[in-house]
N, C-alpha and C. Protein backbone atom coordinates (compact mmCIF):
# COMPACT_ATOMS: atom_id res chain seq x y z
N MET A 1 39.16 26.55 -18.08
CA MET A 1 39.70 27.86 -17.80
C MET A 1 41.10 27.73 -17.21
N GLY A 2 41.23 26.78 -16.30
CA GLY A 2 42.53 26.59 -15.66
C GLY A 2 43.60 26.17 -16.66
N ILE A 3 43.23 25.33 -17.60
CA ILE A 3 44.18 24.87 -18.62
C ILE A 3 44.58 26.03 -19.53
N LEU A 4 43.62 26.88 -19.89
CA LEU A 4 43.95 28.05 -20.70
C LEU A 4 44.89 29.00 -19.95
N ALA A 5 44.64 29.16 -18.67
CA ALA A 5 45.52 30.03 -17.87
C ALA A 5 46.92 29.43 -17.80
N LEU A 6 47.00 28.12 -17.65
CA LEU A 6 48.32 27.47 -17.60
C LEU A 6 49.04 27.61 -18.94
N ASP A 7 48.27 27.52 -20.03
CA ASP A 7 48.87 27.68 -21.36
C ASP A 7 49.45 29.09 -21.51
N GLN A 8 48.72 30.07 -21.02
CA GLN A 8 49.20 31.46 -21.08
C GLN A 8 50.47 31.64 -20.25
N LEU A 9 50.48 31.02 -19.06
CA LEU A 9 51.68 31.11 -18.23
C LEU A 9 52.88 30.49 -18.93
N SER A 10 52.64 29.39 -19.61
CA SER A 10 53.72 28.71 -20.33
C SER A 10 54.19 29.56 -21.51
N ASN A 11 53.26 30.15 -22.24
CA ASN A 11 53.62 30.97 -23.40
C ASN A 11 54.47 32.18 -23.01
N TYR A 12 54.18 32.77 -21.89
CA TYR A 12 54.92 33.96 -21.46
C TYR A 12 56.12 33.62 -20.59
N LYS A 13 56.41 32.34 -20.46
CA LYS A 13 57.57 31.85 -19.71
C LYS A 13 57.57 32.33 -18.26
N VAL A 14 56.35 32.52 -17.69
CA VAL A 14 56.23 32.89 -16.28
C VAL A 14 56.59 31.69 -15.42
N VAL A 15 56.17 30.54 -15.89
CA VAL A 15 56.43 29.29 -15.18
C VAL A 15 56.96 28.29 -16.19
N GLY A 16 57.94 27.51 -15.78
CA GLY A 16 58.51 26.50 -16.67
C GLY A 16 57.57 25.34 -16.89
N GLU A 17 57.86 24.56 -17.94
CA GLU A 17 56.98 23.43 -18.27
C GLU A 17 56.96 22.39 -17.17
N LYS A 18 58.10 22.11 -16.56
CA LYS A 18 58.13 21.10 -15.49
C LYS A 18 57.29 21.55 -14.30
N ALA A 19 57.33 22.83 -14.00
CA ALA A 19 56.53 23.34 -12.89
C ALA A 19 55.04 23.24 -13.22
N LEU A 20 54.68 23.50 -14.47
CA LEU A 20 53.28 23.39 -14.89
C LEU A 20 52.79 21.95 -14.80
N VAL A 21 53.60 21.03 -15.25
CA VAL A 21 53.23 19.62 -15.18
C VAL A 21 53.06 19.20 -13.72
N ALA A 22 53.96 19.64 -12.86
CA ALA A 22 53.86 19.32 -11.44
C ALA A 22 52.61 19.93 -10.83
N LEU A 23 52.30 21.17 -11.21
CA LEU A 23 51.11 21.85 -10.70
C LEU A 23 49.83 21.13 -11.13
N VAL A 24 49.75 20.76 -12.40
CA VAL A 24 48.57 20.04 -12.90
C VAL A 24 48.45 18.68 -12.24
N ALA A 25 49.55 17.96 -12.12
CA ALA A 25 49.53 16.63 -11.50
C ALA A 25 49.09 16.73 -10.04
N SER A 26 49.64 17.68 -9.31
CA SER A 26 49.25 17.81 -7.90
C SER A 26 47.79 18.25 -7.77
N SER A 27 47.33 19.07 -8.68
CA SER A 27 45.92 19.48 -8.66
C SER A 27 45.00 18.29 -8.89
N LEU A 28 45.38 17.41 -9.81
CA LEU A 28 44.58 16.21 -10.06
C LEU A 28 44.55 15.29 -8.85
N VAL A 29 45.68 15.13 -8.20
CA VAL A 29 45.74 14.26 -7.02
C VAL A 29 44.89 14.84 -5.89
N ILE A 30 45.01 16.14 -5.66
CA ILE A 30 44.22 16.76 -4.60
C ILE A 30 42.73 16.70 -4.92
N SER A 31 42.36 16.98 -6.16
CA SER A 31 40.94 16.90 -6.56
C SER A 31 40.42 15.48 -6.41
N GLY A 32 41.21 14.52 -6.80
CA GLY A 32 40.81 13.12 -6.65
C GLY A 32 40.62 12.75 -5.19
N GLY A 33 41.50 13.24 -4.33
CA GLY A 33 41.38 12.98 -2.90
C GLY A 33 40.10 13.58 -2.32
N ILE A 34 39.79 14.79 -2.72
CA ILE A 34 38.56 15.44 -2.25
C ILE A 34 37.34 14.68 -2.73
N LEU A 35 37.32 14.30 -4.00
CA LEU A 35 36.20 13.55 -4.55
C LEU A 35 36.03 12.21 -3.83
N TYR A 36 37.14 11.53 -3.58
CA TYR A 36 37.07 10.24 -2.89
C TYR A 36 36.53 10.41 -1.47
N SER A 37 36.92 11.47 -0.79
CA SER A 37 36.45 11.66 0.59
C SER A 37 34.93 11.81 0.65
N TYR A 38 34.33 12.32 -0.42
CA TYR A 38 32.88 12.47 -0.45
C TYR A 38 32.15 11.24 -0.96
N THR A 39 32.79 10.43 -1.76
CA THR A 39 32.07 9.34 -2.44
C THR A 39 32.48 7.94 -2.03
N HIS A 40 33.51 7.75 -1.23
CA HIS A 40 33.99 6.39 -0.98
C HIS A 40 32.99 5.51 -0.23
N LYS A 41 32.02 6.09 0.47
CA LYS A 41 31.03 5.28 1.18
C LYS A 41 29.81 4.96 0.32
N TRP A 42 29.72 5.56 -0.84
CA TRP A 42 28.55 5.34 -1.68
C TRP A 42 28.37 3.87 -2.05
N SER A 43 29.45 3.20 -2.36
CA SER A 43 29.31 1.80 -2.78
C SER A 43 28.75 0.96 -1.64
N PHE A 44 29.15 1.25 -0.40
CA PHE A 44 28.59 0.52 0.75
C PHE A 44 27.10 0.78 0.86
N GLU A 45 26.71 2.05 0.75
CA GLU A 45 25.31 2.41 0.91
C GLU A 45 24.45 1.82 -0.20
N ILE A 46 24.96 1.81 -1.41
CA ILE A 46 24.23 1.22 -2.53
C ILE A 46 24.10 -0.28 -2.33
N LYS A 47 25.16 -0.92 -1.91
CA LYS A 47 25.12 -2.37 -1.65
C LYS A 47 24.16 -2.68 -0.51
N TYR A 48 24.19 -1.87 0.53
CA TYR A 48 23.29 -2.06 1.67
C TYR A 48 21.83 -1.99 1.22
N TYR A 49 21.52 -1.03 0.37
CA TYR A 49 20.15 -0.91 -0.15
C TYR A 49 19.78 -2.14 -0.97
N HIS A 50 20.65 -2.56 -1.87
CA HIS A 50 20.33 -3.71 -2.73
C HIS A 50 20.23 -5.00 -1.93
N ASP A 51 21.03 -5.16 -0.89
CA ASP A 51 20.93 -6.36 -0.06
C ASP A 51 19.64 -6.40 0.74
N ARG A 52 19.07 -5.23 1.03
CA ARG A 52 17.85 -5.15 1.84
C ARG A 52 16.71 -4.48 1.08
N LYS A 53 16.70 -4.67 -0.20
CA LYS A 53 15.71 -3.98 -1.06
C LYS A 53 14.28 -4.32 -0.64
N ASP A 54 13.98 -5.56 -0.31
CA ASP A 54 12.63 -5.94 0.10
C ASP A 54 12.21 -5.20 1.37
N TYR A 55 13.15 -5.03 2.29
CA TYR A 55 12.89 -4.31 3.54
C TYR A 55 12.48 -2.86 3.23
N PHE A 56 13.27 -2.17 2.41
CA PHE A 56 12.98 -0.77 2.09
C PHE A 56 11.71 -0.62 1.26
N GLU A 57 11.48 -1.53 0.34
CA GLU A 57 10.25 -1.46 -0.46
C GLU A 57 9.02 -1.75 0.40
N GLY A 58 9.17 -2.63 1.41
CA GLY A 58 8.07 -2.90 2.33
C GLY A 58 7.69 -1.67 3.13
N ILE A 59 8.69 -0.93 3.58
CA ILE A 59 8.43 0.31 4.31
C ILE A 59 7.70 1.30 3.41
N GLN A 60 8.19 1.46 2.19
CA GLN A 60 7.56 2.40 1.26
C GLN A 60 6.13 2.00 0.95
N SER A 61 5.87 0.71 0.87
CA SER A 61 4.52 0.22 0.59
C SER A 61 3.57 0.61 1.72
N VAL A 62 4.00 0.43 2.96
CA VAL A 62 3.16 0.80 4.11
C VAL A 62 2.88 2.30 4.10
N LEU A 63 3.91 3.08 3.90
CA LEU A 63 3.76 4.54 3.94
C LEU A 63 2.86 5.04 2.81
N LYS A 64 2.97 4.40 1.66
CA LYS A 64 2.16 4.78 0.50
C LYS A 64 0.68 4.44 0.71
N ASP A 65 0.41 3.38 1.47
CA ASP A 65 -0.97 2.92 1.66
C ASP A 65 -1.78 3.76 2.66
N LEU A 66 -1.12 4.55 3.48
CA LEU A 66 -1.86 5.36 4.46
C LEU A 66 -2.72 6.40 3.74
N PRO A 67 -3.96 6.58 4.16
CA PRO A 67 -4.84 7.56 3.50
C PRO A 67 -4.23 8.97 3.55
N ILE A 68 -4.22 9.63 2.41
CA ILE A 68 -3.57 10.95 2.30
C ILE A 68 -4.27 12.00 3.15
N GLU A 69 -5.57 11.89 3.33
CA GLU A 69 -6.30 12.90 4.10
C GLU A 69 -6.12 12.74 5.62
N SER A 70 -5.46 11.68 6.05
CA SER A 70 -5.28 11.43 7.48
C SER A 70 -4.14 12.27 8.06
N SER A 71 -4.21 12.48 9.38
CA SER A 71 -3.11 13.17 10.07
C SER A 71 -2.17 12.11 10.62
N VAL A 72 -0.87 12.35 10.45
CA VAL A 72 0.13 11.35 10.78
C VAL A 72 1.24 11.97 11.62
N VAL A 73 1.63 11.27 12.66
CA VAL A 73 2.83 11.63 13.41
C VAL A 73 3.82 10.48 13.21
N THR A 74 5.05 10.80 12.88
CA THR A 74 6.01 9.77 12.50
C THR A 74 7.43 10.20 12.84
N THR A 75 8.36 9.31 12.63
CA THR A 75 9.76 9.63 12.85
C THR A 75 10.31 10.39 11.65
N GLY A 76 11.42 11.07 11.85
CA GLY A 76 12.03 11.87 10.80
C GLY A 76 12.38 11.08 9.55
N ASN A 77 12.69 9.78 9.69
CA ASN A 77 13.07 8.96 8.54
C ASN A 77 11.91 8.81 7.55
N TYR A 78 10.70 8.81 8.07
CA TYR A 78 9.54 8.54 7.23
C TYR A 78 8.87 9.80 6.68
N THR A 79 9.22 10.95 7.21
CA THR A 79 8.52 12.17 6.78
C THR A 79 8.67 12.47 5.29
N PRO A 80 9.82 12.26 4.65
CA PRO A 80 9.87 12.54 3.21
C PRO A 80 8.89 11.68 2.39
N SER A 81 8.73 10.43 2.79
CA SER A 81 7.82 9.55 2.05
C SER A 81 6.35 9.88 2.30
N LEU A 82 6.09 10.56 3.40
CA LEU A 82 4.71 10.91 3.75
C LEU A 82 4.40 12.38 3.46
N ARG A 83 5.22 13.03 2.70
CA ARG A 83 5.10 14.48 2.48
C ARG A 83 3.79 14.91 1.83
N GLN A 84 3.06 14.01 1.19
CA GLN A 84 1.81 14.39 0.56
C GLN A 84 0.69 14.61 1.58
N HIS A 85 0.89 14.18 2.82
CA HIS A 85 -0.12 14.39 3.87
C HIS A 85 -0.09 15.85 4.32
N GLU A 86 -1.26 16.47 4.37
CA GLU A 86 -1.33 17.87 4.82
C GLU A 86 -0.99 17.99 6.29
N LYS A 87 -1.41 17.02 7.06
CA LYS A 87 -1.17 17.05 8.51
C LYS A 87 -0.14 15.98 8.85
N LEU A 88 1.11 16.35 8.70
CA LEU A 88 2.23 15.44 8.94
C LEU A 88 3.11 16.06 10.02
N TYR A 89 3.40 15.30 11.06
CA TYR A 89 4.16 15.81 12.19
C TYR A 89 5.29 14.86 12.55
N ASP A 90 6.38 15.43 13.02
CA ASP A 90 7.51 14.65 13.50
C ASP A 90 7.28 14.32 14.97
N ILE A 91 7.39 13.06 15.31
CA ILE A 91 7.08 12.60 16.66
C ILE A 91 7.98 13.24 17.71
N TYR A 92 9.17 13.59 17.32
CA TYR A 92 10.12 14.17 18.27
C TYR A 92 9.72 15.60 18.65
N TYR A 93 9.16 16.35 17.74
CA TYR A 93 8.85 17.76 17.97
C TYR A 93 7.38 18.04 18.24
N HIS A 94 6.51 17.15 17.84
CA HIS A 94 5.07 17.44 17.88
C HIS A 94 4.51 17.41 19.31
N ASN A 95 3.75 18.43 19.64
CA ASN A 95 2.96 18.50 20.87
C ASN A 95 3.78 18.22 22.13
N ASP A 96 5.01 18.66 22.11
CA ASP A 96 5.90 18.50 23.27
C ASP A 96 6.00 17.03 23.71
N LYS A 97 6.01 16.13 22.74
CA LYS A 97 6.12 14.68 22.96
C LYS A 97 5.00 14.12 23.83
N LYS A 98 3.81 14.71 23.66
CA LYS A 98 2.62 14.23 24.37
C LYS A 98 1.59 13.79 23.35
N VAL A 99 0.61 13.03 23.81
CA VAL A 99 -0.43 12.51 22.94
C VAL A 99 -1.27 13.65 22.37
N ASP A 100 -1.52 13.59 21.08
CA ASP A 100 -2.41 14.52 20.39
C ASP A 100 -3.58 13.70 19.86
N SER A 101 -4.74 13.91 20.41
CA SER A 101 -5.91 13.11 20.04
C SER A 101 -6.41 13.41 18.63
N ASN A 102 -5.87 14.43 17.98
CA ASN A 102 -6.26 14.75 16.60
C ASN A 102 -5.49 13.93 15.57
N ILE A 103 -4.53 13.16 16.02
CA ILE A 103 -3.71 12.34 15.13
C ILE A 103 -4.45 11.06 14.78
N ASP A 104 -4.47 10.73 13.49
CA ASP A 104 -5.12 9.49 13.04
C ASP A 104 -4.18 8.30 13.11
N TYR A 105 -2.90 8.51 12.72
CA TYR A 105 -1.93 7.40 12.68
C TYR A 105 -0.61 7.82 13.31
N VAL A 106 -0.04 6.88 14.05
CA VAL A 106 1.32 7.02 14.57
C VAL A 106 2.14 5.97 13.84
N VAL A 107 3.18 6.40 13.12
CA VAL A 107 3.95 5.48 12.28
C VAL A 107 5.42 5.56 12.69
N VAL A 108 5.96 4.43 13.13
CA VAL A 108 7.35 4.37 13.57
C VAL A 108 7.96 3.02 13.19
N PRO A 109 9.28 2.94 13.14
CA PRO A 109 9.89 1.62 12.98
C PRO A 109 9.53 0.74 14.18
N ARG A 110 9.20 -0.50 13.96
CA ARG A 110 8.78 -1.38 15.04
C ARG A 110 9.85 -1.51 16.13
N VAL A 111 11.08 -1.43 15.74
CA VAL A 111 12.18 -1.58 16.70
C VAL A 111 12.14 -0.51 17.79
N THR A 112 11.54 0.65 17.51
CA THR A 112 11.50 1.72 18.51
C THR A 112 10.58 1.40 19.68
N ARG A 113 9.79 0.38 19.55
CA ARG A 113 8.88 -0.02 20.63
C ARG A 113 9.64 -0.70 21.77
N GLN A 114 10.82 -1.20 21.48
CA GLN A 114 11.59 -1.95 22.47
C GLN A 114 12.11 -1.03 23.57
N GLU A 115 11.80 -1.39 24.79
CA GLU A 115 12.27 -0.59 25.93
C GLU A 115 13.71 -0.95 26.24
N GLY A 116 14.40 -0.02 26.84
CA GLY A 116 15.78 -0.26 27.25
C GLY A 116 16.78 -0.20 26.12
N LYS A 117 16.35 0.16 24.93
CA LYS A 117 17.25 0.26 23.78
C LYS A 117 17.61 1.72 23.48
N GLY A 118 17.08 2.64 24.27
CA GLY A 118 17.41 4.04 24.09
C GLY A 118 16.51 4.79 23.11
N TYR A 119 15.40 4.20 22.73
CA TYR A 119 14.48 4.88 21.82
C TYR A 119 13.49 5.71 22.64
N PHE A 120 13.48 7.01 22.44
CA PHE A 120 12.55 7.88 23.17
C PHE A 120 11.11 7.62 22.73
N GLU A 121 10.95 7.08 21.52
CA GLU A 121 9.61 6.83 21.00
C GLU A 121 8.84 5.81 21.82
N ALA A 122 9.55 4.92 22.53
CA ALA A 122 8.88 3.87 23.31
C ALA A 122 7.91 4.47 24.32
N ASP A 123 8.31 5.53 24.99
CA ASP A 123 7.43 6.17 25.97
C ASP A 123 6.24 6.84 25.29
N ILE A 124 6.47 7.47 24.17
CA ILE A 124 5.38 8.13 23.44
C ILE A 124 4.39 7.09 22.92
N LEU A 125 4.92 5.97 22.42
CA LEU A 125 4.04 4.90 21.94
C LEU A 125 3.16 4.36 23.06
N LYS A 126 3.76 4.18 24.24
CA LYS A 126 2.98 3.72 25.40
C LYS A 126 1.85 4.70 25.71
N ALA A 127 2.16 5.98 25.64
CA ALA A 127 1.15 6.99 25.94
C ALA A 127 0.02 6.95 24.91
N TYR A 128 0.35 6.78 23.64
CA TYR A 128 -0.69 6.69 22.62
C TYR A 128 -1.54 5.42 22.82
N GLU A 129 -0.89 4.32 23.16
CA GLU A 129 -1.64 3.08 23.39
C GLU A 129 -2.53 3.20 24.62
N ALA A 130 -2.03 3.88 25.65
CA ALA A 130 -2.83 4.09 26.86
C ALA A 130 -4.05 4.97 26.59
N SER A 131 -3.94 5.82 25.59
CA SER A 131 -5.07 6.70 25.27
C SER A 131 -6.02 6.08 24.25
N GLY A 132 -5.82 4.81 23.92
CA GLY A 132 -6.78 4.10 23.08
C GLY A 132 -6.33 3.77 21.67
N TYR A 133 -5.12 4.13 21.29
CA TYR A 133 -4.64 3.79 19.95
C TYR A 133 -4.28 2.30 19.91
N LYS A 134 -4.63 1.65 18.80
CA LYS A 134 -4.37 0.21 18.62
C LYS A 134 -3.52 0.00 17.38
N GLU A 135 -2.86 -1.15 17.34
CA GLU A 135 -2.06 -1.48 16.17
C GLU A 135 -2.97 -1.66 14.95
N SER A 136 -2.59 -1.04 13.86
CA SER A 136 -3.39 -1.03 12.64
C SER A 136 -3.08 -2.23 11.76
N PHE A 137 -4.00 -2.53 10.85
CA PHE A 137 -3.74 -3.58 9.85
C PHE A 137 -2.65 -3.14 8.87
N PHE A 138 -2.31 -1.84 8.83
CA PHE A 138 -1.21 -1.36 7.98
C PHE A 138 0.15 -1.82 8.50
N SER A 139 0.23 -2.19 9.77
CA SER A 139 1.51 -2.57 10.38
C SER A 139 2.12 -3.79 9.69
N THR A 140 3.44 -3.82 9.69
CA THR A 140 4.18 -4.97 9.18
C THR A 140 5.21 -5.37 10.24
N GLU A 141 6.03 -6.33 9.93
CA GLU A 141 7.04 -6.73 10.91
C GLU A 141 8.11 -5.65 11.12
N ASP A 142 8.23 -4.72 10.19
CA ASP A 142 9.23 -3.66 10.30
C ASP A 142 8.65 -2.30 10.67
N VAL A 143 7.40 -2.07 10.35
CA VAL A 143 6.76 -0.77 10.58
C VAL A 143 5.56 -0.95 11.51
N LEU A 144 5.54 -0.16 12.58
CA LEU A 144 4.42 -0.18 13.51
C LEU A 144 3.53 1.01 13.20
N VAL A 145 2.25 0.74 12.98
CA VAL A 145 1.26 1.79 12.73
C VAL A 145 0.19 1.67 13.78
N LEU A 146 0.02 2.73 14.56
CA LEU A 146 -1.05 2.79 15.54
C LEU A 146 -2.14 3.70 14.99
N GLU A 147 -3.41 3.33 15.22
CA GLU A 147 -4.51 4.17 14.78
C GLU A 147 -5.52 4.31 15.88
N LYS A 148 -6.36 5.34 15.77
CA LYS A 148 -7.40 5.59 16.78
C LYS A 148 -8.34 4.42 16.83
């Protein structure tokens, strides 16, 4: 549409050819700059995934293996992969960050268990463990799964 409009402007001598060429060239540069600002980090993210593909596939494997009929509380990163669970809760928002005895599994990245690293989940995990939840056989070196 823009090219047709430019052609019409040129035909009616509203704008000279040099001005049209400059306008089109500057439009291409600006559009390219906008596109680059949105996509320049994609190659890093794609490379990061491919370099750690086993790590990400391991996480997906754990999440896929959890029984669908179970109730799960988890971090926001894992909720999309666990969306098939009817009773799925975000650990940050669920039950005012207190233990809910109706939960079957607590699923978090293992690193969040470390105290002094700024993870709020560490306190919640302690509370679940104090109420009788134990580490599940679903757990891996990267994913911690607690079950009743």
